[in-house]
Amino acid sequence: MTAKPFDTAILHFGIDKTGSTAIQDVCNQARAELASRCSLVYPPGSWHAQLGSYFSSSPASYALNLEMGRTDETAIRAADEIYLREQTEWIRAQPPARQLLFSYEGFIGLSQPELAAMRAYCEGFAHRVKVLVYVRPPLSYAVSAMSQRVKMGRPAWAPDEERPIYRFKERFNNLVNAFGREALEVRLFTRQALTEGDVVIDFFHALGLDLAQARALAQRQRSANESLSAHGLAFGMALREHLAALGIRMSQADFNNHHGSQLNRLTGEPIKLSAEQIEYVLTEFKPHAEVLRDEFGIVFDEVPERYLRQAGPQDEDATRFAREAALLYLEATLGPLRLESAQGHMVWDTPPTTMRAGQVERLRVTLQQQSPQWWRGTPQMPLRLCYHWLHADRRMAHFEGRRTPLPVQLVHPGQRIPADIEVLAPAEPGRYILQITGLQEGWCWFEQKGFTPLECPVDVTQNTASNP
């Protein structure tokens, strides 16, 4: 039997809004130092979100894949298989150490059987498995979670969205059933409770590092995931509404990448809650607070008045200003009406190899927008897909093919768009090159603005049947 190389596998579950980003960033930077000086192995990556995806029975509903806009479970599972194989090989190549550490806030959303499967995986490397969780007081958590939701393009507080309340009781039961009560360590995330008021110092000290080591690691911290101001929150919510009105759909990760840093630049007063929101949060959190008190001796002493927003006429003015400012920002961000930068390419679903002369085929392609600007179609200058037919020696045979409307008329940088295009084969049989491209009617072909057309050779054969 092969000896296990680690004494303990640590699963850091966050939770979200408890300094996980800072912890993960330091671990990722200091990987070699942690292994050599602290006997702590941190597998590659800033976090290990994909590990949880592998063990999820419904990976398209798993936190990471929701944020990334991934919906194809077959593709997700294939990628997860590769990830787990490569990670396992990397771990087994490491020299024995005291601890093996995995970290991701979304682990805690897994079900009890999924968590048990993750525990079994960790037990393949370590003699014991430990779970480390931080909890944040409910009102402090609510305003921070609202901020993060808006950064990701989600509503801060809406009837159809789960309210920003951390439901620890249900998660606690899953953790106990999967790992056992003795494997759980729950720590309070407040400046007063954290070792030296710093979550990175507290985290590494909890793992057994001495304070000097923990302080040195904390010096590696870069910019934190700061909460938005009240102005940033209002602006972000208005921006989300404008995008929805324009029919622009972005994954949470894309929204954050394109707009999150801009929202952070808006300074001002901190986010506050209405009296009704405060009452709702405290009432809903009560059973979870009881579990934390009874099981872990954690008691929250928040002062609700500190989070109370004083409503007044200025609130309506601020909301109106946020909407107007967000619209101006969006118009500037979207770029010119006429396409000036069309870098991008397409990929085939299944490229055609033969077509009958005069035959119409519907072909599936995926367009990848790679320019720094948005592409905008208008009723007067819509965005469309089209094609050219070239002879085998690349002389032009038929320049303008049939037009097919692009499914969306507002395309953000990095966006991928699956689309069907109708292609009419040449009337004369022969060896051709089919070249798929796009255009903005009345203005330009995509390739004139940096686009790389998609090509494939096609044998056009005699059409013996009548064309429908």
Protein backbone atom coordinates (compact mmCIF):
# COMPACT_ATOMS: atom_id res chain seq x y z
CA MET A 1 0.00 0.00 0.00
CA THR A 2 1.39 3.43 -1.00
CA ALA A 3 2.06 5.72 1.97
CA LYS A 4 0.03 8.91 2.06
CA PRO A 5 2.29 11.93 1.47
CA PHE A 6 0.40 14.41 3.69
CA ASP A 7 -0.68 14.42 7.31
CA THR A 8 -3.70 16.66 6.72
CA ALA A 9 -5.69 17.92 3.75
CA ILE A 10 -7.21 21.34 4.44
CA LEU A 11 -10.34 22.42 2.58
CA HIS A 12 -10.75 26.18 2.92
CA PHE A 13 -14.41 26.89 2.15
CA GLY A 14 -14.32 30.64 2.54
CA ILE A 15 -17.17 31.52 2.86
CA ASP A 16 -17.59 34.34 0.35
CA LYS A 17 -16.95 37.89 1.59
CA THR A 18 -14.49 36.73 4.26
CA GLY A 19 -11.15 37.60 2.68
CA SER A 20 -10.81 34.46 0.56
CA THR A 21 -9.41 36.38 -2.43
CA ALA A 22 -6.56 37.78 -0.31
CA ILE A 23 -5.76 34.35 1.13
CA GLN A 24 -5.79 32.69 -2.30
CA ASP A 25 -3.67 35.41 -3.85
CA VAL A 26 -0.97 35.03 -1.19
CA CYS A 27 -1.01 31.22 -1.50
CA ASN A 28 -0.66 31.47 -5.27
CA GLN A 29 2.26 33.91 -5.01
CA ALA A 30 4.05 32.07 -2.22
CA ARG A 31 3.53 28.47 -3.41
CA ALA A 32 7.23 27.55 -3.44
CA GLU A 33 7.92 29.24 -0.11
CA LEU A 34 4.92 27.55 1.54
CA ALA A 35 6.17 24.15 0.44
CA SER A 36 9.83 24.62 1.34
CA ARG A 37 9.53 26.59 4.58
CA CYS A 38 6.07 25.78 5.92
CA SER A 39 5.52 22.17 4.74
CA LEU A 40 2.28 23.34 3.11
CA VAL A 41 1.45 22.33 -0.48
CA TYR A 42 -0.93 24.54 -2.48
CA PRO A 43 -1.80 23.01 -5.90
CA PRO A 44 -1.53 25.22 -9.02
CA GLY A 45 -3.99 28.04 -9.59
CA SER A 46 -5.09 30.99 -7.52
CA TRP A 47 -8.04 28.87 -6.35
CA HIS A 48 -9.37 25.34 -6.90
CA ALA A 49 -12.88 26.04 -8.10
CA GLN A 50 -12.73 23.39 -10.81
CA LEU A 51 -12.14 20.68 -8.21
CA GLY A 52 -15.66 21.30 -6.92
CA SER A 53 -17.02 21.31 -10.45
CA TYR A 54 -15.61 17.81 -10.96
CA PHE A 55 -17.52 16.47 -7.95
CA SER A 56 -20.75 18.33 -8.72
CA SER A 57 -23.57 16.14 -10.05
CA SER A 58 -24.96 19.18 -11.92
CA PRO A 59 -21.86 21.11 -12.98
CA ALA A 60 -23.77 23.66 -15.08
CA SER A 61 -25.42 24.79 -11.81
CA TYR A 62 -22.13 24.96 -9.91
CA ALA A 63 -20.99 28.44 -8.83
CA LEU A 64 -17.88 28.63 -11.03
CA ASN A 65 -19.69 27.59 -14.21
CA LEU A 66 -22.63 29.91 -13.53
CA GLU A 67 -20.24 32.84 -13.18
CA MET A 68 -18.40 31.90 -16.37
CA GLY A 69 -21.62 31.38 -18.35
CA ARG A 70 -20.79 27.73 -19.06
CA THR A 71 -23.86 25.63 -19.87
CA ASP A 72 -22.59 22.64 -21.88
CA GLU A 73 -22.31 19.87 -19.27
CA THR A 74 -20.51 17.53 -21.66
CA ALA A 75 -17.82 20.13 -22.31
CA ILE A 76 -17.62 21.01 -18.60
CA ARG A 77 -17.15 17.37 -17.59
CA ALA A 78 -14.49 16.82 -20.25
CA ALA A 79 -12.54 19.86 -19.02
CA ASP A 80 -12.97 18.78 -15.39
CA GLU A 81 -11.61 15.30 -16.16
CA ILE A 82 -8.47 16.84 -17.64
CA TYR A 83 -8.14 19.25 -14.70
CA LEU A 84 -8.41 16.50 -12.09
CA ARG A 85 -5.96 14.22 -13.89
CA GLU A 86 -3.34 16.98 -14.22
CA GLN A 87 -3.85 18.16 -10.65
CA THR A 88 -3.56 14.63 -9.26
CA GLU A 89 -0.34 14.06 -11.19
CA TRP A 90 1.07 17.35 -9.86
CA ILE A 91 0.18 16.52 -6.25
CA ARG A 92 1.69 13.04 -6.46
CA ALA A 93 4.92 14.55 -7.80
CA GLN A 94 5.39 16.70 -4.67
CA PRO A 95 7.59 15.58 -1.76
CA PRO A 96 5.77 14.60 1.46
CA ALA A 97 4.56 17.53 3.55
CA ARG A 98 2.56 18.32 6.64
CA GLN A 99 -0.46 19.85 4.88
CA LEU A 100 -2.20 19.91 1.49
CA LEU A 101 -4.45 22.95 0.96
CA PHE A 102 -7.38 23.53 -1.41
CA SER A 103 -9.38 26.78 -1.43
CA TYR A 104 -12.62 27.97 -3.03
CA GLU A 105 -15.68 29.71 -1.61
CA GLY A 106 -18.06 27.74 -3.84
CA PHE A 107 -17.13 24.35 -2.33
CA ILE A 108 -19.70 24.92 0.38
CA GLY A 109 -22.54 24.92 -2.15
CA LEU A 110 -21.99 21.22 -2.90
CA SER A 111 -24.42 18.63 -1.56
CA GLN A 112 -23.54 16.18 1.20
CA PRO A 113 -22.82 13.27 -1.22
CA GLU A 114 -20.69 15.57 -3.40
CA LEU A 115 -18.75 16.78 -0.36
CA ALA A 116 -18.24 13.17 0.74
CA ALA A 117 -16.77 12.36 -2.68
CA MET A 118 -14.40 15.32 -2.35
CA ARG A 119 -13.40 14.12 1.11
CA ALA A 120 -12.63 10.65 -0.31
CA TYR A 121 -10.43 12.25 -2.98
CA CYS A 122 -8.48 14.15 -0.31
CA GLU A 123 -8.14 11.01 1.80
CA GLY A 124 -6.25 9.47 -1.10
CA PHE A 125 -3.42 11.89 -0.25
CA ALA A 126 -3.78 12.62 3.47
CA HIS A 127 -4.40 10.79 6.74
CA ARG A 128 -7.09 13.26 7.79
CA VAL A 129 -9.24 15.98 6.24
CA LYS A 130 -10.05 19.28 7.91
CA VAL A 131 -12.52 21.99 6.86
CA LEU A 132 -11.84 25.66 7.64
CA VAL A 133 -14.70 28.16 7.36
CA TYR A 134 -14.96 31.86 8.20
CA VAL A 135 -18.30 33.48 9.02
CA ARG A 136 -19.16 37.16 8.86
CA PRO A 137 -21.81 38.99 10.92
CA PRO A 138 -25.13 39.08 9.03
CA LEU A 139 -25.49 42.82 8.32
CA SER A 140 -21.84 43.22 7.38
CA TYR A 141 -22.21 40.19 5.12
CA ALA A 142 -25.39 41.55 3.52
CA VAL A 143 -23.90 44.86 2.38
CA SER A 144 -20.70 43.18 1.15
CA ALA A 145 -22.67 40.50 -0.73
CA MET A 146 -24.88 43.18 -2.31
CA SER A 147 -21.75 44.94 -3.52
CA GLN A 148 -20.32 41.74 -5.02
CA ARG A 149 -23.60 40.89 -6.74
CA VAL A 150 -23.71 44.25 -8.47
CA LYS A 151 -20.06 43.89 -9.55
CA MET A 152 -21.09 40.63 -11.22
CA GLY A 153 -24.08 42.17 -12.99
CA ARG A 154 -26.69 40.74 -10.63
CA PRO A 155 -29.38 42.65 -8.72
CA ALA A 156 -28.36 43.65 -5.20
CA TRP A 157 -31.72 42.89 -3.63
CA ALA A 158 -34.64 41.73 -5.76
CA PRO A 159 -37.79 39.63 -5.30
CA ASP A 160 -36.61 36.94 -7.73
CA GLU A 161 -33.07 36.76 -6.31
CA GLU A 162 -32.11 34.98 -3.10
CA ARG A 163 -31.55 37.67 -0.49
CA PRO A 164 -27.98 38.30 0.74
CA ILE A 165 -28.24 36.12 3.84
CA TYR A 166 -25.74 33.38 4.54
CA ARG A 167 -27.77 30.29 5.40
CA PHE A 168 -25.21 28.51 7.52
CA LYS A 169 -27.52 26.00 9.23
CA GLU A 170 -28.19 23.93 6.11
CA ARG A 171 -24.53 24.10 5.04
CA PHE A 172 -23.43 23.12 8.56
CA ASN A 173 -25.56 19.94 8.41
CA ASN A 174 -24.02 19.01 5.04
CA LEU A 175 -20.51 19.58 6.37
CA VAL A 176 -21.12 17.51 9.51
CA ASN A 177 -22.60 14.63 7.52
CA ALA A 178 -19.77 14.69 4.98
CA PHE A 179 -16.73 15.34 7.21
CA GLY A 180 -17.79 14.86 10.83
CA ARG A 181 -18.16 17.58 13.46
CA GLU A 182 -14.60 17.17 14.71
CA ALA A 183 -13.21 18.07 11.26
CA LEU A 184 -14.85 21.51 11.21
CA GLU A 185 -13.20 24.73 12.35
CA VAL A 186 -15.34 27.86 12.11
CA ARG A 187 -13.71 31.24 12.71
CA LEU A 188 -15.25 34.68 13.09
CA PHE A 189 -14.47 37.25 10.40
CA THR A 190 -14.35 40.58 12.22
CA ARG A 191 -11.40 42.89 12.76
CA GLN A 192 -11.65 42.29 16.51
CA ALA A 193 -11.69 38.49 16.24
CA LEU A 194 -9.01 38.00 13.57
CA THR A 195 -5.42 37.56 14.71
CA GLU A 196 -3.91 41.06 14.57
CA GLY A 197 -7.05 42.14 12.67
CA ASP A 198 -5.81 40.53 9.44
CA VAL A 199 -7.46 37.53 7.77
CA VAL A 200 -4.26 36.36 6.05
CA ILE A 201 -2.34 36.34 9.33
CA ASP A 202 -5.27 34.66 11.05
CA PHE A 203 -5.57 31.99 8.34
CA PHE A 204 -1.94 30.91 8.33
CA HIS A 205 -1.73 31.08 12.12
CA ALA A 206 -4.78 28.77 12.26
CA LEU A 207 -2.88 26.33 10.01
CA GLY A 208 -0.08 26.16 12.57
CA LEU A 209 2.42 28.67 11.17
CA ASP A 210 4.06 30.90 13.75
CA LEU A 211 3.17 34.58 13.82
CA ALA A 212 6.44 35.66 12.20
CA GLN A 213 5.76 33.41 9.20
CA ALA A 214 2.12 34.53 9.00
CA ARG A 215 3.08 38.22 9.14
CA ALA A 216 5.68 37.77 6.39
CA LEU A 217 3.12 36.10 4.15
CA ALA A 218 0.57 38.84 4.85
CA GLN A 219 3.05 41.37 3.44
CA ARG A 220 2.46 39.80 0.02
CA GLN A 221 -1.17 40.95 -0.05
CA ARG A 222 -2.11 42.99 -3.08
CA SER A 223 -5.27 45.06 -3.58
CA ALA A 224 -8.25 43.57 -1.79
CA ASN A 225 -11.71 42.92 -3.21
CA GLU A 226 -13.12 46.14 -1.78
CA SER A 227 -16.84 46.76 -1.41
CA LEU A 228 -18.51 49.36 -3.60
CA SER A 229 -19.62 52.70 -2.28
CA ALA A 230 -23.32 53.54 -2.26
CA HIS A 231 -22.69 55.54 -5.46
CA GLY A 232 -20.95 52.56 -7.06
CA LEU A 233 -23.86 50.30 -6.13
CA ALA A 234 -26.45 52.65 -7.62
CA PHE A 235 -24.39 53.14 -10.78
CA GLY A 236 -23.89 49.38 -11.20
CA MET A 237 -27.59 48.63 -10.80
CA ALA A 238 -28.47 51.33 -13.35
CA LEU A 239 -25.86 49.98 -15.78
CA ARG A 240 -27.32 46.49 -15.46
CA GLU A 241 -30.81 47.83 -16.27
CA HIS A 242 -29.55 49.66 -19.37
CA LEU A 243 -27.75 46.56 -20.64
CA ALA A 244 -30.88 44.46 -20.15
CA ALA A 245 -32.98 47.04 -22.02
CA LEU A 246 -30.54 46.81 -24.94
CA GLY A 247 -30.77 43.02 -24.93
CA ILE A 248 -27.11 42.63 -23.96
CA ARG A 249 -26.49 39.42 -22.06
CA MET A 250 -23.15 38.99 -20.32
CA SER A 251 -21.85 36.27 -18.03
CA GLN A 252 -21.16 37.37 -14.47
CA ALA A 253 -17.42 37.07 -15.09
CA ASP A 254 -17.61 39.18 -18.26
CA PHE A 255 -19.62 41.90 -16.53
CA ASN A 256 -17.09 42.06 -13.71
CA ASN A 257 -14.13 42.07 -16.10
CA HIS A 258 -15.56 44.87 -18.23
CA HIS A 259 -17.23 47.07 -15.62
CA GLY A 260 -16.26 45.97 -12.09
CA SER A 261 -13.10 48.07 -11.88
CA GLN A 262 -15.01 51.15 -13.06
CA LEU A 263 -17.60 50.68 -10.32
CA ASN A 264 -14.80 50.47 -7.74
CA ARG A 265 -13.57 53.91 -8.78
CA LEU A 266 -16.76 55.61 -7.57
CA THR A 267 -16.08 56.78 -4.05
CA GLY A 268 -18.52 57.95 -1.42
CA GLU A 269 -20.50 56.76 1.57
CA PRO A 270 -20.67 53.03 2.35
CA ILE A 271 -23.67 50.94 1.37
CA LYS A 272 -26.48 51.11 3.90
CA LEU A 273 -29.73 49.17 4.35
CA SER A 274 -33.31 50.25 4.88
CA ALA A 275 -34.97 49.49 8.21
CA GLU A 276 -37.05 46.81 6.47
CA GLN A 277 -33.95 45.17 5.02
CA ILE A 278 -32.20 45.15 8.40
CA GLU A 279 -35.21 43.56 10.07
CA TYR A 280 -35.48 40.96 7.31
CA VAL A 281 -31.79 40.00 7.50
CA LEU A 282 -31.74 39.69 11.29
CA THR A 283 -34.98 37.69 11.38
CA GLU A 284 -33.93 35.30 8.62
CA PHE A 285 -30.44 34.83 10.07
CA LYS A 286 -31.66 34.00 13.59
CA PRO A 287 -31.69 30.16 13.22
CA HIS A 288 -28.23 30.28 11.66
CA ALA A 289 -26.94 32.50 14.45
CA GLU A 290 -28.24 29.95 16.96
CA VAL A 291 -26.27 27.12 15.31
CA LEU A 292 -23.09 29.20 15.32
CA ARG A 293 -23.59 30.11 18.98
CA ASP A 294 -24.48 26.60 20.18
CA GLU A 295 -21.95 24.65 18.10
CA PHE A 296 -18.99 27.03 17.94
CA GLY A 297 -19.53 29.66 20.61
CA ILE A 298 -19.69 32.41 17.99
CA VAL A 299 -21.84 35.39 18.97
CA PHE A 300 -22.36 38.46 16.80
CA ASP A 301 -22.55 41.91 18.38
CA GLU A 302 -23.38 44.13 15.40
CA VAL A 303 -25.04 47.51 15.95
CA PRO A 304 -27.94 47.70 13.44
CA GLU A 305 -27.98 51.51 13.50
CA ARG A 306 -24.54 51.54 11.91
CA TYR A 307 -26.05 50.00 8.75
CA LEU A 308 -29.28 52.03 8.65
CA ARG A 309 -29.84 54.21 5.60
CA GLN A 310 -31.65 57.46 6.25
CA ALA A 311 -34.12 57.76 3.37
CA GLY A 312 -34.91 61.16 1.92
CA PRO A 313 -35.62 63.12 -1.27
CA GLN A 314 -31.92 62.96 -2.13
CA ASP A 315 -32.27 59.21 -2.70
CA GLU A 316 -34.47 59.79 -5.75
CA ASP A 317 -32.04 62.39 -7.10
CA ALA A 318 -29.11 60.01 -6.61
CA THR A 319 -30.94 57.19 -8.39
CA ARG A 320 -31.86 59.45 -11.31
CA PHE A 321 -28.30 60.71 -11.58
CA ALA A 322 -26.94 57.13 -11.51
CA ARG A 323 -29.23 56.15 -14.40
CA GLU A 324 -28.21 59.14 -16.50
CA ALA A 325 -24.51 58.68 -15.75
CA ALA A 326 -24.66 54.96 -16.51
CA LEU A 327 -26.29 55.67 -19.86
CA LEU A 328 -23.54 58.16 -20.79
CA TYR A 329 -20.88 55.68 -19.69
CA LEU A 330 -22.48 52.92 -21.73
CA GLU A 331 -22.71 55.05 -24.85
CA ALA A 332 -19.02 55.93 -24.53
CA THR A 333 -18.07 52.31 -23.86
CA LEU A 334 -19.95 50.91 -26.84
CA GLY A 335 -17.84 52.88 -29.28
CA PRO A 336 -18.79 54.28 -32.71
CA LEU A 337 -21.86 53.26 -34.67
CA ARG A 338 -19.68 52.49 -37.67
CA LEU A 339 -17.49 49.44 -37.16
CA GLU A 340 -13.83 50.47 -36.96
CA SER A 341 -12.24 47.46 -35.25
CA ALA A 342 -13.46 43.99 -36.21
CA GLN A 343 -10.70 41.71 -34.99
CA GLY A 344 -12.06 38.21 -34.57
CA HIS A 345 -12.56 34.88 -36.23
CA MET A 346 -15.02 31.99 -36.60
CA VAL A 347 -14.86 28.25 -36.06
CA TRP A 348 -16.87 25.51 -37.73
CA ASP A 349 -19.25 23.19 -36.03
CA THR A 350 -18.89 20.77 -38.98
CA PRO A 351 -17.25 22.18 -42.13
CA PRO A 352 -18.81 21.16 -45.44
CA THR A 353 -16.71 19.05 -47.79
CA THR A 354 -19.12 18.68 -50.72
CA MET A 355 -22.21 20.53 -51.96
CA ARG A 356 -24.40 20.10 -55.01
CA ALA A 357 -24.39 22.94 -57.53
CA GLY A 358 -27.11 25.46 -56.71
CA GLN A 359 -27.84 23.76 -53.39
CA VAL A 360 -28.63 25.80 -50.25
CA GLU A 361 -27.15 24.52 -47.00
CA ARG A 362 -27.46 25.81 -43.46
CA LEU A 363 -24.06 25.72 -41.77
CA ARG A 364 -23.28 26.19 -38.07
CA VAL A 365 -20.40 28.46 -37.03
CA THR A 366 -19.31 30.26 -33.87
CA LEU A 367 -18.08 33.85 -34.10
CA GLN A 368 -15.45 35.04 -31.61
CA GLN A 369 -15.28 38.82 -31.12
CA GLN A 370 -11.67 39.79 -30.31
CA SER A 371 -11.57 43.55 -30.84
CA PRO A 372 -11.22 46.13 -28.06
CA GLN A 373 -14.54 47.75 -29.08
CA TRP A 374 -18.17 46.74 -29.02
CA TRP A 375 -19.79 46.00 -32.38
CA ARG A 376 -23.12 47.73 -32.92
CA GLY A 377 -25.64 47.07 -35.64
CA THR A 378 -28.49 49.48 -36.35
CA PRO A 379 -31.64 49.14 -38.46
CA GLN A 380 -29.87 51.17 -41.15
CA MET A 381 -26.50 49.37 -40.82
CA PRO A 382 -27.16 45.88 -39.41
CA LEU A 383 -24.51 43.27 -38.70
CA ARG A 384 -24.81 40.22 -40.94
CA LEU A 385 -22.96 37.05 -41.84
CA CYS A 386 -22.08 36.44 -45.46
CA TYR A 387 -19.61 34.51 -47.61
CA HIS A 388 -17.46 34.57 -50.75
CA TRP A 389 -16.74 31.72 -53.15
CA LEU A 390 -13.16 31.48 -54.46
CA HIS A 391 -11.77 29.19 -57.14
CA ALA A 392 -9.18 26.65 -55.99
CA ASP A 393 -6.42 29.04 -57.17
CA ARG A 394 -8.01 31.77 -54.98
CA ARG A 395 -9.42 33.81 -57.84
CA MET A 396 -12.77 35.27 -56.85
CA ALA A 397 -15.71 33.24 -58.21
CA HIS A 398 -18.69 34.88 -56.48
CA PHE A 399 -18.04 37.82 -54.15
CA GLU A 400 -21.40 38.51 -52.53
CA GLY A 401 -23.29 35.57 -51.09
CA ARG A 402 -26.55 35.43 -49.23
CA ARG A 403 -26.87 37.57 -46.12
CA THR A 404 -27.80 36.02 -42.77
CA PRO A 405 -28.61 38.37 -39.85
CA LEU A 406 -26.24 38.04 -36.90
CA PRO A 407 -28.35 36.75 -33.96
CA VAL A 408 -27.38 39.76 -31.83
CA GLN A 409 -26.73 43.31 -32.96
CA LEU A 410 -24.61 44.38 -29.99
CA VAL A 411 -21.48 42.26 -29.49
CA HIS A 412 -19.10 42.88 -26.60
CA PRO A 413 -15.34 42.19 -26.69
CA GLY A 414 -14.66 38.53 -26.02
CA GLN A 415 -18.21 37.42 -26.81
CA ARG A 416 -18.80 34.11 -28.59
CA ILE A 417 -21.91 33.84 -30.78
CA PRO A 418 -23.13 30.53 -32.24
CA ALA A 419 -24.97 31.19 -35.50
CA ASP A 420 -26.40 29.44 -38.54
CA ILE A 421 -25.58 30.81 -41.99
CA GLU A 422 -27.35 29.97 -45.25
CA VAL A 423 -24.93 29.23 -48.09
CA LEU A 424 -25.87 28.87 -51.76
CA ALA A 425 -23.40 26.71 -53.72
CA PRO A 426 -22.10 27.94 -57.09
CA ALA A 427 -24.07 26.94 -60.17
CA GLU A 428 -21.02 25.42 -61.87
CA PRO A 429 -19.44 22.23 -60.46
CA GLY A 430 -15.79 22.41 -59.50
CA ARG A 431 -13.27 22.78 -56.69
CA TYR A 432 -13.90 25.92 -54.61
CA ILE A 433 -12.92 27.61 -51.38
CA LEU A 434 -15.81 28.74 -49.19
CA GLN A 435 -14.91 31.88 -47.20
CA ILE A 436 -17.27 32.85 -44.36
CA THR A 437 -17.15 36.43 -43.11
CA GLY A 438 -19.44 39.21 -41.96
CA LEU A 439 -20.31 42.78 -42.77
CA GLN A 440 -21.96 45.92 -41.53
CA GLU A 441 -24.38 46.80 -44.30
CA GLY A 442 -23.64 50.09 -46.00
CA TRP A 443 -20.24 50.40 -44.38
CA CYS A 444 -17.69 47.55 -44.47
CA TRP A 445 -16.84 43.89 -44.71
CA PHE A 446 -15.42 42.53 -41.46
CA GLU A 447 -12.12 41.55 -43.10
CA GLN A 448 -11.57 45.19 -44.05
CA LYS A 449 -11.44 45.99 -40.32
CA GLY A 450 -9.19 43.19 -39.10
CA PHE A 451 -11.41 40.09 -39.16
CA THR A 452 -9.98 36.70 -40.22
CA PRO A 453 -12.49 34.94 -42.50
CA LEU A 454 -13.22 31.24 -42.01
CA GLU A 455 -12.30 29.02 -44.96
CA CYS A 456 -12.65 25.44 -46.14
CA PRO A 457 -12.28 23.66 -49.52
CA VAL A 458 -15.55 22.40 -51.01
CA ASP A 459 -16.16 20.10 -53.95
CA VAL A 460 -19.24 21.36 -55.81
CA THR A 461 -20.77 18.47 -57.73
CA GLN A 462 -23.35 18.28 -60.50
CA ASN A 463 -26.86 18.68 -59.16
CA THR A 464 -28.85 15.86 -60.72
CA ALA A 465 -31.98 16.60 -58.69
CA SER A 466 -34.16 19.64 -59.05
CA ASN A 467 -33.42 22.32 -56.50
CA PRO A 468 -36.32 22.77 -54.06
